PDB file of all heavy atoms in Angstrom:
ATOM      1  N   LEU A   1      32.796 -19.401 -41.376  1.00  0.00           N
ATOM      2  CA  LEU A   1      33.783 -19.387 -40.323  1.00  0.00           C
ATOM      3  C   LEU A   1      34.919 -18.422 -40.628  1.00  0.00           C
ATOM      4  O   LEU A   1      35.121 -17.985 -41.730  1.00  0.00           O
ATOM      5  CB  LEU A   1      34.358 -20.763 -40.052  1.00  0.00           C
ATOM      6  CG  LEU A   1      33.331 -21.759 -39.460  1.00  0.00           C
ATOM      7  CD1 LEU A   1      33.938 -23.204 -39.457  1.00  0.00           C
ATOM      8  CD2 LEU A   1      32.919 -21.383 -38.063  1.00  0.00           C
ATOM      9  N   GLN A   2      35.728 -18.127 -39.614  1.00  0.00           N
ATOM     10  CA  GLN A   2      36.871 -17.198 -39.739  1.00  0.00           C
ATOM     11  C   GLN A   2      37.932 -17.828 -40.630  1.00  0.00           C
ATOM     12  O   GLN A   2      38.067 -19.049 -40.805  1.00  0.00           O
ATOM     13  CB  GLN A   2      37.481 -16.907 -38.367  1.00  0.00           C
ATOM     14  CG  GLN A   2      36.484 -16.234 -37.422  1.00  0.00           C
ATOM     15  CD  GLN A   2      37.034 -16.151 -36.025  1.00  0.00           C
ATOM     16  OE1 GLN A   2      38.187 -16.236 -35.790  1.00  0.00           O
ATOM     17  NE2 GLN A   2      36.139 -15.829 -35.080  1.00  0.00           N
ATOM     18  N   ASP A   3      38.763 -16.974 -41.246  1.00  0.00           N
ATOM     19  CA  ASP A   3      39.772 -17.418 -42.206  1.00  0.00           C
ATOM     20  C   ASP A   3      40.717 -18.439 -41.691  1.00  0.00           C
ATOM     21  O   ASP A   3      41.149 -19.321 -42.462  1.00  0.00           O
ATOM     22  CB  ASP A   3      40.523 -16.206 -42.744  1.00  0.00           C
ATOM     23  CG  ASP A   3      39.703 -15.331 -43.626  1.00  0.00           C
ATOM     24  OD1 ASP A   3      38.619 -15.786 -44.080  1.00  0.00           O
ATOM     25  OD2 ASP A   3      40.072 -14.180 -43.859  1.00  0.00           O
ATOM     26  N   GLU A   4      41.107 -18.340 -40.409  1.00  0.00           N
ATOM     27  CA  GLU A   4      42.143 -19.293 -39.954  1.00  0.00           C
ATOM     28  C   GLU A   4      41.627 -20.689 -39.640  1.00  0.00           C
ATOM     29  O   GLU A   4      42.407 -21.601 -39.417  1.00  0.00           O
ATOM     30  CB  GLU A   4      42.801 -18.707 -38.662  1.00  0.00           C
ATOM     31  CG  GLU A   4      41.920 -18.684 -37.448  1.00  0.00           C
ATOM     32  CD  GLU A   4      41.132 -17.396 -37.283  1.00  0.00           C
ATOM     33  OE1 GLU A   4      41.016 -16.652 -38.289  1.00  0.00           O
ATOM     34  OE2 GLU A   4      40.661 -17.114 -36.200  1.00  0.00           O
ATOM     35  N   ILE A   5      40.318 -20.876 -39.597  1.00  0.00           N
ATOM     36  CA  ILE A   5      39.746 -22.186 -39.259  1.00  0.00           C
ATOM     37  C   ILE A   5      39.537 -23.123 -40.398  1.00  0.00           C
ATOM     38  O   ILE A   5      39.900 -24.296 -40.316  1.00  0.00           O
ATOM     39  CB  ILE A   5      38.397 -21.968 -38.454  1.00  0.00           C
ATOM     40  CG1 ILE A   5      38.704 -21.216 -37.164  1.00  0.00           C
ATOM     41  CG2 ILE A   5      37.784 -23.321 -38.146  1.00  0.00           C
ATOM     42  CD1 ILE A   5      37.489 -20.931 -36.348  1.00  0.00           C
ATOM     43  N   PRO A   6      38.945 -22.669 -41.524  1.00  0.00           N
ATOM     44  CA  PRO A   6      38.534 -23.615 -42.583  1.00  0.00           C
ATOM     45  C   PRO A   6      39.572 -24.616 -43.064  1.00  0.00           C
ATOM     46  O   PRO A   6      39.272 -25.770 -43.411  1.00  0.00           O
ATOM     47  CB  PRO A   6      38.046 -22.719 -43.731  1.00  0.00           C
ATOM     48  CG  PRO A   6      37.570 -21.510 -43.006  1.00  0.00           C
ATOM     49  CD  PRO A   6      38.520 -21.339 -41.885  1.00  0.00           C
ATOM     50  N   HIS A   7      40.844 -24.220 -43.209  1.00  0.00           N
ATOM     51  CA  HIS A   7      41.853 -25.139 -43.729  1.00  0.00           C
ATOM     52  C   HIS A   7      42.094 -26.301 -42.741  1.00  0.00           C
ATOM     53  O   HIS A   7      42.670 -27.306 -43.141  1.00  0.00           O
ATOM     54  CB  HIS A   7      43.191 -24.354 -44.000  1.00  0.00           C
ATOM     55  CG  HIS A   7      43.021 -23.395 -45.079  1.00  0.00           C
ATOM     56  ND1 HIS A   7      42.412 -23.639 -46.293  1.00  0.00           N
ATOM     57  CD2 HIS A   7      43.412 -22.076 -45.183  1.00  0.00           C
ATOM     58  CE1 HIS A   7      42.399 -22.593 -47.082  1.00  0.00           C
ATOM     59  NE2 HIS A   7      43.034 -21.609 -46.418  1.00  0.00           N
ATOM     60  N   GLY A   8      41.745 -26.158 -41.478  1.00  0.00           N
ATOM     61  CA  GLY A   8      41.854 -27.208 -40.544  1.00  0.00           C
ATOM     62  C   GLY A   8      40.657 -28.009 -40.384  1.00  0.00           C
ATOM     63  O   GLY A   8      40.536 -28.742 -39.313  1.00  0.00           O
ATOM     64  N   LEU A   9      39.699 -27.981 -41.276  1.00  0.00           N
ATOM     65  CA  LEU A   9      38.436 -28.725 -41.143  1.00  0.00           C
ATOM     66  C   LEU A   9      38.380 -29.921 -42.088  1.00  0.00           C
ATOM     67  O   LEU A   9      38.903 -29.874 -43.217  1.00  0.00           O
ATOM     68  CB  LEU A   9      37.241 -27.823 -41.497  1.00  0.00           C
ATOM     69  CG  LEU A   9      36.950 -26.632 -40.521  1.00  0.00           C
ATOM     70  CD1 LEU A   9      35.649 -25.968 -41.031  1.00  0.00           C
ATOM     71  CD2 LEU A   9      36.759 -27.108 -39.102  1.00  0.00           C
ATOM     72  N   ALA A  10      37.832 -30.996 -41.631  1.00  0.00           N
ATOM     73  CA  ALA A  10      37.432 -32.121 -42.463  1.00  0.00           C
ATOM     74  C   ALA A  10      36.005 -32.586 -42.062  1.00  0.00           C
ATOM     75  O   ALA A  10      35.638 -32.319 -40.885  1.00  0.00           O
ATOM     76  CB  ALA A  10      38.425 -33.244 -42.340  1.00  0.00           C
ATOM     77  N   VAL A  11      35.330 -33.156 -42.907  1.00  0.00           N
ATOM     78  CA  VAL A  11      33.963 -33.630 -42.642  1.00  0.00           C
ATOM     79  C   VAL A  11      33.839 -35.095 -43.010  1.00  0.00           C
ATOM     80  O   VAL A  11      34.240 -35.510 -44.093  1.00  0.00           O
ATOM     81  CB  VAL A  11      32.913 -32.811 -43.359  1.00  0.00           C
ATOM     82  CG1 VAL A  11      31.507 -33.322 -43.023  1.00  0.00           C
ATOM     83  CG2 VAL A  11      32.992 -31.307 -43.025  1.00  0.00           C
ATOM     84  N   ASP A  12      33.262 -35.891 -42.087  1.00  0.00           N
ATOM     85  CA  ASP A  12      33.009 -37.286 -42.365  1.00  0.00           C
ATOM     86  C   ASP A  12      31.556 -37.586 -42.171  1.00  0.00           C
ATOM     87  O   ASP A  12      30.902 -37.213 -41.200  1.00  0.00           O
ATOM     88  CB  ASP A  12      33.836 -38.135 -41.351  1.00  0.00           C
ATOM     89  CG  ASP A  12      33.649 -39.612 -41.583  1.00  0.00           C
ATOM     90  OD1 ASP A  12      33.645 -40.001 -42.716  1.00  0.00           O
ATOM     91  OD2 ASP A  12      33.619 -40.311 -40.554  1.00  0.00           O
ATOM     92  N   ILE A  13      30.950 -38.177 -43.203  1.00  0.00           N
ATOM     93  CA  ILE A  13      29.535 -38.614 -43.145  1.00  0.00           C
ATOM     94  C   ILE A  13      29.507 -39.970 -42.439  1.00  0.00           C
ATOM     95  O   ILE A  13      30.019 -40.981 -42.978  1.00  0.00           O
ATOM     96  CB  ILE A  13      28.858 -38.680 -44.517  1.00  0.00           C
ATOM     97  CG1 ILE A  13      28.860 -37.289 -45.172  1.00  0.00           C
ATOM     98  CG2 ILE A  13      27.442 -39.228 -44.403  1.00  0.00           C
ATOM     99  CD1 ILE A  13      28.132 -36.236 -44.450  1.00  0.00           C
ATOM    100  N   THR A  14      28.924 -40.015 -41.251  1.00  0.00           N
ATOM    101  CA  THR A  14      28.941 -41.243 -40.431  1.00  0.00           C
ATOM    102  C   THR A  14      27.701 -42.071 -40.693  1.00  0.00           C
ATOM    103  O   THR A  14      27.652 -43.276 -40.334  1.00  0.00           O
ATOM    104  CB  THR A  14      29.001 -40.900 -38.987  1.00  0.00           C
ATOM    105  OG1 THR A  14      27.930 -40.008 -38.614  1.00  0.00           O
ATOM    106  CG2 THR A  14      30.352 -40.227 -38.671  1.00  0.00           C
ATOM    107  N   ALA A  15      26.637 -41.473 -41.207  1.00  0.00           N
ATOM    108  CA  ALA A  15      25.407 -42.238 -41.482  1.00  0.00           C
ATOM    109  C   ALA A  15      24.595 -41.568 -42.612  1.00  0.00           C
ATOM    110  O   ALA A  15      24.638 -40.298 -42.706  1.00  0.00           O
ATOM    111  CB  ALA A  15      24.540 -42.315 -40.208  1.00  0.00           C
ATOM    112  N   MET A  16      23.950 -42.391 -43.381  1.00  0.00           N
ATOM    113  CA  MET A  16      23.006 -41.861 -44.407  1.00  0.00           C
ATOM    114  C   MET A  16      22.023 -43.002 -44.703  1.00  0.00           C
ATOM    115  O   MET A  16      22.330 -43.949 -45.464  1.00  0.00           O
ATOM    116  CB  MET A  16      23.731 -41.456 -45.684  1.00  0.00           C
ATOM    117  CG  MET A  16      22.829 -40.818 -46.762  1.00  0.00           C
ATOM    118  SD  MET A  16      23.735 -40.298 -48.268  1.00  0.00           S
ATOM    119  CE  MET A  16      24.544 -38.771 -47.638  1.00  0.00           C
ATOM    120  N   LYS A  17      20.873 -42.958 -44.034  1.00  0.00           N
ATOM    121  CA  LYS A  17      19.936 -44.048 -44.133  1.00  0.00           C
ATOM    122  C   LYS A  17      18.485 -43.566 -44.215  1.00  0.00           C
ATOM    123  O   LYS A  17      18.074 -42.724 -43.397  1.00  0.00           O
ATOM    124  CB  LYS A  17      20.113 -44.954 -42.928  1.00  0.00           C
ATOM    125  CG  LYS A  17      19.277 -46.235 -42.976  1.00  0.00           C
ATOM    126  CD  LYS A  17      19.499 -47.115 -41.778  1.00  0.00           C
ATOM    127  CE  LYS A  17      18.670 -48.389 -41.878  1.00  0.00           C
ATOM    128  NZ  LYS A  17      18.957 -49.307 -40.699  1.00  0.00           N
ATOM    129  N   ALA A  18      17.742 -44.072 -45.192  1.00  0.00           N
ATOM    130  CA  ALA A  18      16.323 -43.728 -45.334  1.00  0.00           C
ATOM    131  C   ALA A  18      15.561 -44.456 -44.243  1.00  0.00           C
ATOM    132  O   ALA A  18      15.768 -45.598 -43.949  1.00  0.00           O
ATOM    133  CB  ALA A  18      15.801 -44.097 -46.711  1.00  0.00           C
ATOM    134  N   ARG A  19      14.591 -43.727 -43.650  1.00  0.00           N
ATOM    135  CA  ARG A  19      13.782 -44.373 -42.582  1.00  0.00           C
ATOM    136  C   ARG A  19      12.917 -45.484 -43.135  1.00  0.00           C
ATOM    137  O   ARG A  19      12.608 -46.457 -42.423  1.00  0.00           O
ATOM    138  CB  ARG A  19      12.950 -43.285 -41.874  1.00  0.00           C
ATOM    139  CG  ARG A  19      13.799 -42.265 -41.113  1.00  0.00           C
ATOM    140  CD  ARG A  19      12.985 -41.276 -40.386  1.00  0.00           C
ATOM    141  NE  ARG A  19      13.862 -40.320 -39.643  1.00  0.00           N
ATOM    142  CZ  ARG A  19      13.424 -39.311 -38.912  1.00  0.00           C
ATOM    143  NH1 ARG A  19      12.075 -39.119 -38.750  1.00  0.00           N
ATOM    144  NH2 ARG A  19      14.275 -38.486 -38.314  1.00  0.00           N
ATOM    145  N   ASP A  20      12.432 -45.328 -44.366  1.00  0.00           N
ATOM    146  CA  ASP A  20      11.630 -46.352 -44.997  1.00  0.00           C
ATOM    147  C   ASP A  20      12.170 -46.568 -46.428  1.00  0.00           C
ATOM    148  O   ASP A  20      11.820 -45.780 -47.308  1.00  0.00           O
ATOM    149  CB  ASP A  20      10.155 -45.985 -45.049  1.00  0.00           C
ATOM    150  CG  ASP A  20       9.268 -47.026 -45.670  1.00  0.00           C
ATOM    151  OD1 ASP A  20       9.839 -48.039 -46.114  1.00  0.00           O
ATOM    152  OD2 ASP A  20       8.033 -46.845 -45.670  1.00  0.00           O
ATOM    153  N   PRO A  21      12.974 -47.563 -46.691  1.00  0.00           N
ATOM    154  CA  PRO A  21      13.605 -47.766 -48.022  1.00  0.00           C
ATOM    155  C   PRO A  21      12.618 -47.950 -49.128  1.00  0.00           C
ATOM    156  O   PRO A  21      12.872 -47.723 -50.315  1.00  0.00           O
ATOM    157  CB  PRO A  21      14.413 -49.060 -47.766  1.00  0.00           C
ATOM    158  CG  PRO A  21      14.633 -49.133 -46.349  1.00  0.00           C
ATOM    159  CD  PRO A  21      13.431 -48.540 -45.683  1.00  0.00           C
ATOM    160  N   ASP A  22      11.368 -48.288 -48.782  1.00  0.00           N
ATOM    161  CA  ASP A  22      10.305 -48.506 -49.827  1.00  0.00           C
ATOM    162  C   ASP A  22       9.586 -47.245 -50.147  1.00  0.00           C
ATOM    163  O   ASP A  22       8.753 -47.201 -51.103  1.00  0.00           O
ATOM    164  CB  ASP A  22       9.342 -49.559 -49.346  1.00  0.00           C
ATOM    165  CG  ASP A  22       9.998 -50.938 -49.158  1.00  0.00           C
ATOM    166  OD1 ASP A  22      10.849 -51.229 -49.962  1.00  0.00           O
ATOM    167  OD2 ASP A  22       9.583 -51.647 -48.228  1.00  0.00           O
ATOM    168  N   ASP A  23       9.862 -46.176 -49.389  1.00  0.00           N
ATOM    169  CA  ASP A  23       9.149 -44.859 -49.631  1.00  0.00           C
ATOM    170  C   ASP A  23      10.177 -43.882 -50.143  1.00  0.00           C
ATOM    171  O   ASP A  23      11.028 -43.371 -49.343  1.00  0.00           O
ATOM    172  CB  ASP A  23       8.539 -44.371 -48.336  1.00  0.00           C
ATOM    173  CG  ASP A  23       7.814 -43.063 -48.553  1.00  0.00           C
ATOM    174  OD1 ASP A  23       7.773 -42.536 -49.681  1.00  0.00           O
ATOM    175  OD2 ASP A  23       7.292 -42.474 -47.540  1.00  0.00           O
ATOM    176  N   PRO A  24      10.212 -43.514 -51.446  1.00  0.00           N
ATOM    177  CA  PRO A  24      11.152 -42.560 -51.984  1.00  0.00           C
ATOM    178  C   PRO A  24      11.088 -41.160 -51.371  1.00  0.00           C
ATOM    179  O   PRO A  24      12.060 -40.355 -51.511  1.00  0.00           O
ATOM    180  CB  PRO A  24      10.904 -42.541 -53.470  1.00  0.00           C
ATOM    181  CG  PRO A  24       9.476 -42.957 -53.603  1.00  0.00           C
ATOM    182  CD  PRO A  24       9.174 -43.925 -52.448  1.00  0.00           C
ATOM    183  N   ASP A  25       9.966 -40.854 -50.753  1.00  0.00           N
ATOM    184  CA  ASP A  25       9.802 -39.493 -50.205  1.00  0.00           C
ATOM    185  C   ASP A  25      10.034 -39.453 -48.669  1.00  0.00           C
ATOM    186  O   ASP A  25       9.751 -38.438 -48.044  1.00  0.00           O
ATOM    187  CB  ASP A  25       8.399 -38.955 -50.509  1.00  0.00           C
ATOM    188  CG  ASP A  25       8.187 -38.827 -52.010  1.00  0.00           C
ATOM    189  OD1 ASP A  25       9.128 -38.329 -52.664  1.00  0.00           O
ATOM    190  OD2 ASP A  25       7.077 -39.157 -52.479  1.00  0.00           O
ATOM    191  N   CYS A  26      10.485 -40.568 -48.105  1.00  0.00           N
ATOM    192  CA  CYS A  26      10.644 -40.576 -46.605  1.00  0.00           C
ATOM    193  C   CYS A  26      11.895 -39.776 -46.212  1.00  0.00           C
ATOM    194  O   CYS A  26      12.711 -39.413 -47.028  1.00  0.00           O
ATOM    195  CB  CYS A  26      10.750 -41.989 -46.132  1.00  0.00           C
ATOM    196  SG  CYS A  26      12.381 -42.723 -46.369  1.00  0.00           S
ATOM    197  N   ILE A  27      11.943 -39.489 -44.927  1.00  0.00           N
ATOM    198  CA  ILE A  27      13.067 -38.730 -44.423  1.00  0.00           C
ATOM    199  C   ILE A  27      14.362 -39.579 -44.419  1.00  0.00           C
ATOM    200  O   ILE A  27      14.297 -40.798 -44.112  1.00  0.00           O
ATOM    201  CB  ILE A  27      12.782 -38.266 -42.964  1.00  0.00           C
ATOM    202  CG1 ILE A  27      11.641 -37.257 -42.978  1.00  0.00           C
ATOM    203  CG2 ILE A  27      14.030 -37.641 -42.288  1.00  0.00           C
ATOM    204  CD1 ILE A  27      11.179 -36.874 -41.596  1.00  0.00           C
ATOM    205  N   VAL A  28      15.479 -38.982 -44.846  1.00  0.00           N
ATOM    206  CA  VAL A  28      16.762 -39.635 -44.762  1.00  0.00           C
ATOM    207  C   VAL A  28      17.562 -39.093 -43.571  1.00  0.00           C
ATOM    208  O   VAL A  28      17.734 -37.841 -43.473  1.00  0.00           O
ATOM    209  CB  VAL A  28      17.547 -39.493 -46.074  1.00  0.00           C
ATOM    210  CG1 VAL A  28      18.959 -40.073 -45.994  1.00  0.00           C
ATOM    211  CG2 VAL A  28      16.782 -40.002 -47.268  1.00  0.00           C
ATOM    212  N   ASP A  29      18.005 -39.955 -42.700  1.00  0.00           N
ATOM    213  CA  ASP A  29      18.824 -39.517 -41.566  1.00  0.00           C
ATOM    214  C   ASP A  29      20.279 -39.423 -41.983  1.00  0.00           C
ATOM    215  O   ASP A  29      20.837 -40.435 -42.481  1.00  0.00           O
ATOM    216  CB  ASP A  29      18.663 -40.499 -40.434  1.00  0.00           C
ATOM    217  CG  ASP A  29      17.290 -40.420 -39.746  1.00  0.00           C
ATOM    218  OD1 ASP A  29      16.894 -39.313 -39.343  1.00  0.00           O
ATOM    219  OD2 ASP A  29      16.643 -41.471 -39.661  1.00  0.00           O
ATOM    220  N   VAL A  30      20.876 -38.257 -41.867  1.00  0.00           N
ATOM    221  CA  VAL A  30      22.267 -38.055 -42.205  1.00  0.00           C
ATOM    222  C   VAL A  30      23.051 -37.627 -40.983  1.00  0.00           C
ATOM    223  O   VAL A  30      22.719 -36.621 -40.315  1.00  0.00           O
ATOM    224  CB  VAL A  30      22.391 -36.965 -43.301  1.00  0.00           C
ATOM    225  CG1 VAL A  30      23.857 -36.744 -43.663  1.00  0.00           C
ATOM    226  CG2 VAL A  30      21.607 -37.315 -44.559  1.00  0.00           C
ATOM    227  N   GLY A  31      24.065 -38.421 -40.670  1.00  0.00           N
ATOM    228  CA  GLY A  31      24.940 -38.057 -39.534  1.00  0.00           C
ATOM    229  C   GLY A  31      26.280 -37.591 -40.048  1.00  0.00           C
ATOM    230  O   GLY A  31      26.798 -38.167 -41.030  1.00  0.00           O
ATOM    231  N   ALA A  32      26.811 -36.524 -39.479  1.00  0.00           N
ATOM    232  CA  ALA A  32      28.058 -35.997 -39.940  1.00  0.00           C
ATOM    233  C   ALA A  32      28.935 -35.554 -38.756  1.00  0.00           C
ATOM    234  O   ALA A  32      28.378 -35.083 -37.746  1.00  0.00           O
ATOM    235  CB  ALA A  32      27.869 -34.809 -40.906  1.00  0.00           C
TER     236      ALA A  32
END
């Protein structure tokens, strides 16, 4: 991004959940 924008940014992770907790290779849904 342009120089004037980054200092005004924050990021919040709203979700981080494995689709199948018993499968270590399953897809993890990450919301931000």
